[in-house]
Amino acid sequence: MRCRFLVFALAPWLASCAGVLNEEWSVLPPEEQRRPPAVLDANAKLADATRTGDVTIVPLLEDGKRSTTLLIRVTGTGKVPAHFHARSAESWYVLRGGGDLLLDRTWQKVRAGMLVHIPLGVPHAFVNRDPEGTLILDTFAPGFVEGDRVWLEEGSPADTP
């Protein structure tokens, strides 16, 4: 009974705090605070793909400054050279295929079904080892911006075992 009374007594105060928290305490500008949900057809985004050698990147979703989601396809003997991100953490979900991942100076095998989290500033690289190619769903948080990727010389994928 006391708990129910406490909820009713605090309800007006909680409602006023919700407005303050949403509008005054948010780190995002008002136009970016509320985004509608999205359902995307990845095939429709193929026209926006960029290709460098055996690596194709399809931008799927950019949610303002919060996150960026990409689809990455690495075929043949494709490699993503060693680099790190100065502004964003990155998470990969390997949808198909697999290969060798350099993660903070250590090479390890990744395959379909694995989730990889790469914190901000951690060097990483990838070498495809699947004859049919590797497909990765890649998310950056906060969103990816030009200049975030810093290429490295050492730990090149060519050095992989």
C-alpha atoms as a PDB file:
ATOM      1  CA  MET A   1       0.000   0.000   0.000  1.00  0.00           C
ATOM      2  CA  ARG A   2       2.813   2.418   0.908  1.00  0.00           C
ATOM      3  CA  CYS A   3       4.545   1.697  -2.404  1.00  0.00           C
ATOM      4  CA  ARG A   4       1.396   2.570  -4.389  1.00  0.00           C
ATOM      5  CA  PHE A   5       1.047   5.837  -2.460  1.00  0.00           C
ATOM      6  CA  LEU A   6       4.711   6.671  -3.136  1.00  0.00           C
ATOM      7  CA  VAL A   7       4.266   6.134  -6.889  1.00  0.00           C
ATOM      8  CA  PHE A   8       1.214   8.424  -7.006  1.00  0.00           C
ATOM      9  CA  ALA A   9       2.962  11.060  -4.878  1.00  0.00           C
ATOM     10  CA  LEU A  10       6.058  11.062  -7.088  1.00  0.00           C
ATOM     11  CA  ALA A  11       4.280  10.857 -10.463  1.00  0.00           C
ATOM     12  CA  PRO A  12       4.056  14.641 -11.119  1.00  0.00           C
ATOM     13  CA  TRP A  13       7.705  15.126 -10.127  1.00  0.00           C
ATOM     14  CA  LEU A  14       8.874  12.210 -12.333  1.00  0.00           C
ATOM     15  CA  ALA A  15       6.899  13.578 -15.294  1.00  0.00           C
ATOM     16  CA  SER A  16       8.539  16.988 -14.927  1.00  0.00           C
ATOM     17  CA  CYS A  17      12.001  15.372 -14.683  1.00  0.00           C
ATOM     18  CA  ALA A  18      11.410  13.383 -17.858  1.00  0.00           C
ATOM     19  CA  GLY A  19      11.000  16.618 -19.790  1.00  0.00           C
ATOM     20  CA  VAL A  20      14.130  18.070 -18.257  1.00  0.00           C
ATOM     21  CA  LEU A  21      16.174  14.953 -18.968  1.00  0.00           C
ATOM     22  CA  ASN A  22      14.991  14.697 -22.566  1.00  0.00           C
ATOM     23  CA  GLU A  23      15.396  18.340 -23.516  1.00  0.00           C
ATOM     24  CA  GLU A  24      17.927  19.976 -21.227  1.00  0.00           C
ATOM     25  CA  TRP A  25      20.332  17.149 -20.381  1.00  0.00           C
ATOM     26  CA  SER A  26      20.656  15.531 -23.782  1.00  0.00           C
ATOM     27  CA  VAL A  27      24.087  15.703 -25.443  1.00  0.00           C
ATOM     28  CA  LEU A  28      22.408  15.715 -28.854  1.00  0.00           C
ATOM     29  CA  PRO A  29      20.724  18.750 -30.411  1.00  0.00           C
ATOM     30  CA  PRO A  30      16.889  18.631 -30.337  1.00  0.00           C
ATOM     31  CA  GLU A  31      16.583  17.698 -34.038  1.00  0.00           C
ATOM     32  CA  GLU A  32      18.624  14.533 -33.399  1.00  0.00           C
ATOM     33  CA  GLN A  33      17.040  13.421 -30.128  1.00  0.00           C
ATOM     34  CA  ARG A  34      14.138  11.531 -31.633  1.00  0.00           C
ATOM     35  CA  ARG A  35      14.595   9.526 -34.829  1.00  0.00           C
ATOM     36  CA  PRO A  36      11.909   7.323 -36.344  1.00  0.00           C
ATOM     37  CA  PRO A  37      12.637   3.591 -36.542  1.00  0.00           C
ATOM     38  CA  ALA A  38      13.876   2.317 -39.900  1.00  0.00           C
ATOM     39  CA  VAL A  39      13.417  -0.869 -41.900  1.00  0.00           C
ATOM     40  CA  LEU A  40      15.830  -0.989 -44.816  1.00  0.00           C
ATOM     41  CA  ASP A  41      16.229  -3.054 -47.961  1.00  0.00           C
ATOM     42  CA  ALA A  42      20.002  -3.599 -48.139  1.00  0.00           C
ATOM     43  CA  ASN A  43      19.715  -4.489 -51.847  1.00  0.00           C
ATOM     44  CA  ALA A  44      18.392  -0.996 -52.547  1.00  0.00           C
ATOM     45  CA  LYS A  45      21.588   0.438 -51.023  1.00  0.00           C
ATOM     46  CA  LEU A  46      23.933  -1.429 -53.405  1.00  0.00           C
ATOM     47  CA  ALA A  47      24.008   1.559 -55.767  1.00  0.00           C
ATOM     48  CA  ASP A  48      25.788   3.521 -53.001  1.00  0.00           C
ATOM     49  CA  ALA A  49      28.551   0.912 -52.629  1.00  0.00           C
ATOM     50  CA  THR A  50      32.224   1.802 -52.908  1.00  0.00           C
ATOM     51  CA  ARG A  51      34.777  -0.770 -54.030  1.00  0.00           C
ATOM     52  CA  THR A  52      38.528  -0.846 -53.494  1.00  0.00           C
ATOM     53  CA  GLY A  53      40.133  -4.003 -54.867  1.00  0.00           C
ATOM     54  CA  ASP A  54      38.450  -6.995 -53.253  1.00  0.00           C
ATOM     55  CA  VAL A  55      36.690  -4.923 -50.568  1.00  0.00           C
ATOM     56  CA  THR A  56      33.178  -3.557 -51.129  1.00  0.00           C
ATOM     57  CA  ILE A  57      31.489  -1.281 -48.581  1.00  0.00           C
ATOM     58  CA  VAL A  58      27.742  -0.613 -48.673  1.00  0.00           C
ATOM     59  CA  PRO A  59      26.491   2.201 -46.390  1.00  0.00           C
ATOM     60  CA  LEU A  60      23.233   1.005 -44.823  1.00  0.00           C
ATOM     61  CA  LEU A  61      22.285   3.500 -42.127  1.00  0.00           C
ATOM     62  CA  GLU A  62      23.635   6.701 -40.634  1.00  0.00           C
ATOM     63  CA  ASP A  63      21.768   7.739 -37.522  1.00  0.00           C
ATOM     64  CA  GLY A  64      23.033  11.282 -37.142  1.00  0.00           C
ATOM     65  CA  LYS A  65      26.051  11.391 -34.890  1.00  0.00           C
ATOM     66  CA  ARG A  66      25.052   8.288 -32.937  1.00  0.00           C
ATOM     67  CA  SER A  67      25.948   5.382 -35.207  1.00  0.00           C
ATOM     68  CA  THR A  68      26.817   4.220 -38.713  1.00  0.00           C
ATOM     69  CA  THR A  69      26.019   0.741 -40.060  1.00  0.00           C
ATOM     70  CA  LEU A  70      27.786  -0.732 -43.086  1.00  0.00           C
ATOM     71  CA  LEU A  71      27.813  -4.006 -44.974  1.00  0.00           C
ATOM     72  CA  ILE A  72      31.363  -5.085 -45.890  1.00  0.00           C
ATOM     73  CA  ARG A  73      32.165  -7.801 -48.433  1.00  0.00           C
ATOM     74  CA  VAL A  74      35.733  -9.070 -48.766  1.00  0.00           C
ATOM     75  CA  THR A  75      36.417 -11.479 -51.635  1.00  0.00           C
ATOM     76  CA  GLY A  76      39.387 -13.329 -53.117  1.00  0.00           C
ATOM     77  CA  THR A  77      42.538 -12.565 -51.168  1.00  0.00           C
ATOM     78  CA  GLY A  78      41.062  -9.244 -50.052  1.00  0.00           C
ATOM     79  CA  LYS A  79      42.563  -7.413 -47.104  1.00  0.00           C
ATOM     80  CA  VAL A  80      41.579  -4.489 -44.944  1.00  0.00           C
ATOM     81  CA  PRO A  81      44.964  -2.991 -43.962  1.00  0.00           C
ATOM     82  CA  ALA A  82      45.892  -2.301 -40.353  1.00  0.00           C
ATOM     83  CA  HIS A  83      44.267   0.818 -38.927  1.00  0.00           C
ATOM     84  CA  PHE A  84      42.490   2.169 -35.873  1.00  0.00           C
ATOM     85  CA  HIS A  85      39.635   4.598 -35.261  1.00  0.00           C
ATOM     86  CA  ALA A  86      40.361   7.811 -33.356  1.00  0.00           C
ATOM     87  CA  ARG A  87      36.721   8.694 -32.713  1.00  0.00           C
ATOM     88  CA  SER A  88      34.563   5.534 -32.850  1.00  0.00           C
ATOM     89  CA  ALA A  89      34.290   2.056 -31.431  1.00  0.00           C
ATOM     90  CA  GLU A  90      33.446  -0.591 -34.039  1.00  0.00           C
ATOM     91  CA  SER A  91      31.473  -3.848 -33.819  1.00  0.00           C
ATOM     92  CA  TRP A  92      31.399  -6.552 -36.498  1.00  0.00           C
ATOM     93  CA  TYR A  93      29.007  -9.423 -36.863  1.00  0.00           C
ATOM     94  CA  VAL A  94      30.376 -11.955 -39.355  1.00  0.00           C
ATOM     95  CA  LEU A  95      27.386 -13.015 -41.476  1.00  0.00           C
ATOM     96  CA  ARG A  96      29.183 -15.349 -43.891  1.00  0.00           C
ATOM     97  CA  GLY A  97      32.706 -16.632 -44.470  1.00  0.00           C
ATOM     98  CA  GLY A  98      35.698 -15.885 -42.276  1.00  0.00           C
ATOM     99  CA  GLY A  99      39.349 -15.048 -42.123  1.00  0.00           C
ATOM    100  CA  ASP A 100      42.201 -13.746 -40.026  1.00  0.00           C
ATOM    101  CA  LEU A 101      41.644 -10.735 -37.792  1.00  0.00           C
ATOM    102  CA  LEU A 102      44.451  -8.663 -36.340  1.00  0.00           C
ATOM    103  CA  LEU A 103      43.152  -7.275 -33.076  1.00  0.00           C
ATOM    104  CA  ASP A 104      45.579  -5.260 -30.962  1.00  0.00           C
ATOM    105  CA  ARG A 105      48.735  -7.071 -32.255  1.00  0.00           C
ATOM    106  CA  THR A 106      47.250 -10.590 -32.068  1.00  0.00           C
ATOM    107  CA  TRP A 107      46.022 -12.567 -35.084  1.00  0.00           C
ATOM    108  CA  GLN A 108      42.950 -14.724 -34.543  1.00  0.00           C
ATOM    109  CA  LYS A 109      40.476 -16.644 -36.679  1.00  0.00           C
ATOM    110  CA  VAL A 110      36.931 -15.330 -37.133  1.00  0.00           C
ATOM    111  CA  ARG A 111      34.030 -17.067 -38.878  1.00  0.00           C
ATOM    112  CA  ALA A 112      30.306 -16.690 -39.524  1.00  0.00           C
ATOM    113  CA  GLY A 113      28.312 -16.223 -36.340  1.00  0.00           C
ATOM    114  CA  MET A 114      31.061 -14.421 -34.429  1.00  0.00           C
ATOM    115  CA  LEU A 115      30.716 -10.936 -32.955  1.00  0.00           C
ATOM    116  CA  VAL A 116      33.840  -8.768 -32.726  1.00  0.00           C
ATOM    117  CA  HIS A 117      34.004  -5.563 -30.690  1.00  0.00           C
ATOM    118  CA  ILE A 118      36.886  -3.180 -31.451  1.00  0.00           C
ATOM    119  CA  PRO A 119      37.205  -0.379 -28.885  1.00  0.00           C
ATOM    120  CA  LEU A 120      38.221   3.115 -29.933  1.00  0.00           C
ATOM    121  CA  GLY A 121      41.971   3.310 -30.664  1.00  0.00           C
ATOM    122  CA  VAL A 122      42.595  -0.462 -30.990  1.00  0.00           C
ATOM    123  CA  PRO A 123      44.567  -1.422 -34.141  1.00  0.00           C
ATOM    124  CA  HIS A 124      42.884  -4.007 -36.363  1.00  0.00           C
ATOM    125  CA  ALA A 125      43.066  -5.549 -39.845  1.00  0.00           C
ATOM    126  CA  PHE A 126      41.344  -8.367 -41.737  1.00  0.00           C
ATOM    127  CA  VAL A 127      42.333 -10.932 -44.372  1.00  0.00           C
ATOM    128  CA  ASN A 128      39.659 -12.987 -46.144  1.00  0.00           C
ATOM    129  CA  ARG A 129      40.264 -16.755 -46.023  1.00  0.00           C
ATOM    130  CA  ASP A 130      36.951 -17.991 -47.422  1.00  0.00           C
ATOM    131  CA  PRO A 131      36.904 -18.847 -51.150  1.00  0.00           C
ATOM    132  CA  GLU A 132      33.304 -17.584 -51.368  1.00  0.00           C
ATOM    133  CA  GLY A 133      34.099 -14.315 -49.576  1.00  0.00           C
ATOM    134  CA  THR A 134      33.285 -12.864 -46.184  1.00  0.00           C
ATOM    135  CA  LEU A 135      30.264 -10.702 -45.376  1.00  0.00           C
ATOM    136  CA  ILE A 136      30.370  -8.476 -42.275  1.00  0.00           C
ATOM    137  CA  LEU A 137      27.741  -6.236 -40.700  1.00  0.00           C
ATOM    138  CA  ASP A 138      29.764  -3.332 -39.284  1.00  0.00           C
ATOM    139  CA  THR A 139      28.537  -0.694 -36.808  1.00  0.00           C
ATOM    140  CA  PHE A 140      30.358   2.398 -35.551  1.00  0.00           C
ATOM    141  CA  ALA A 141      29.384   4.306 -32.412  1.00  0.00           C
ATOM    142  CA  PRO A 142      29.420   7.229 -32.441  1.00  0.00           C
ATOM    143  CA  GLY A 143      28.867   7.509 -36.186  1.00  0.00           C
ATOM    144  CA  PHE A 144      31.802   7.307 -38.595  1.00  0.00           C
ATOM    145  CA  VAL A 145      33.177  10.595 -39.935  1.00  0.00           C
ATOM    146  CA  GLU A 146      35.984  11.291 -42.400  1.00  0.00           C
ATOM    147  CA  GLY A 147      39.342  11.345 -40.665  1.00  0.00           C
ATOM    148  CA  ASP A 148      38.299   8.775 -38.038  1.00  0.00           C
ATOM    149  CA  ARG A 149      40.301   5.969 -39.724  1.00  0.00           C
ATOM    150  CA  VAL A 150      44.074   6.167 -39.140  1.00  0.00           C
ATOM    151  CA  TRP A 151      46.116   3.785 -41.347  1.00  0.00           C
ATOM    152  CA  LEU A 152      49.122   1.982 -39.843  1.00  0.00           C
ATOM    153  CA  GLU A 153      52.272   0.631 -41.475  1.00  0.00           C
ATOM    154  CA  GLU A 154      53.197  -2.142 -39.059  1.00  0.00           C
ATOM    155  CA  GLY A 155      50.974  -5.189 -38.553  1.00  0.00           C
ATOM    156  CA  SER A 156      50.053  -5.238 -42.224  1.00  0.00           C
ATOM    157  CA  PRO A 157      47.743  -8.111 -43.221  1.00  0.00           C
ATOM    158  CA  ALA A 158      50.591  -9.369 -45.417  1.00  0.00           C
ATOM    159  CA  ASP A 159      52.320 -10.387 -42.171  1.00  0.00           C
ATOM    160  CA  THR A 160      49.530 -12.765 -41.213  1.00  0.00           C
ATOM    161  CA  PRO A 161      50.432 -16.426 -40.537  1.00  0.00           C
END
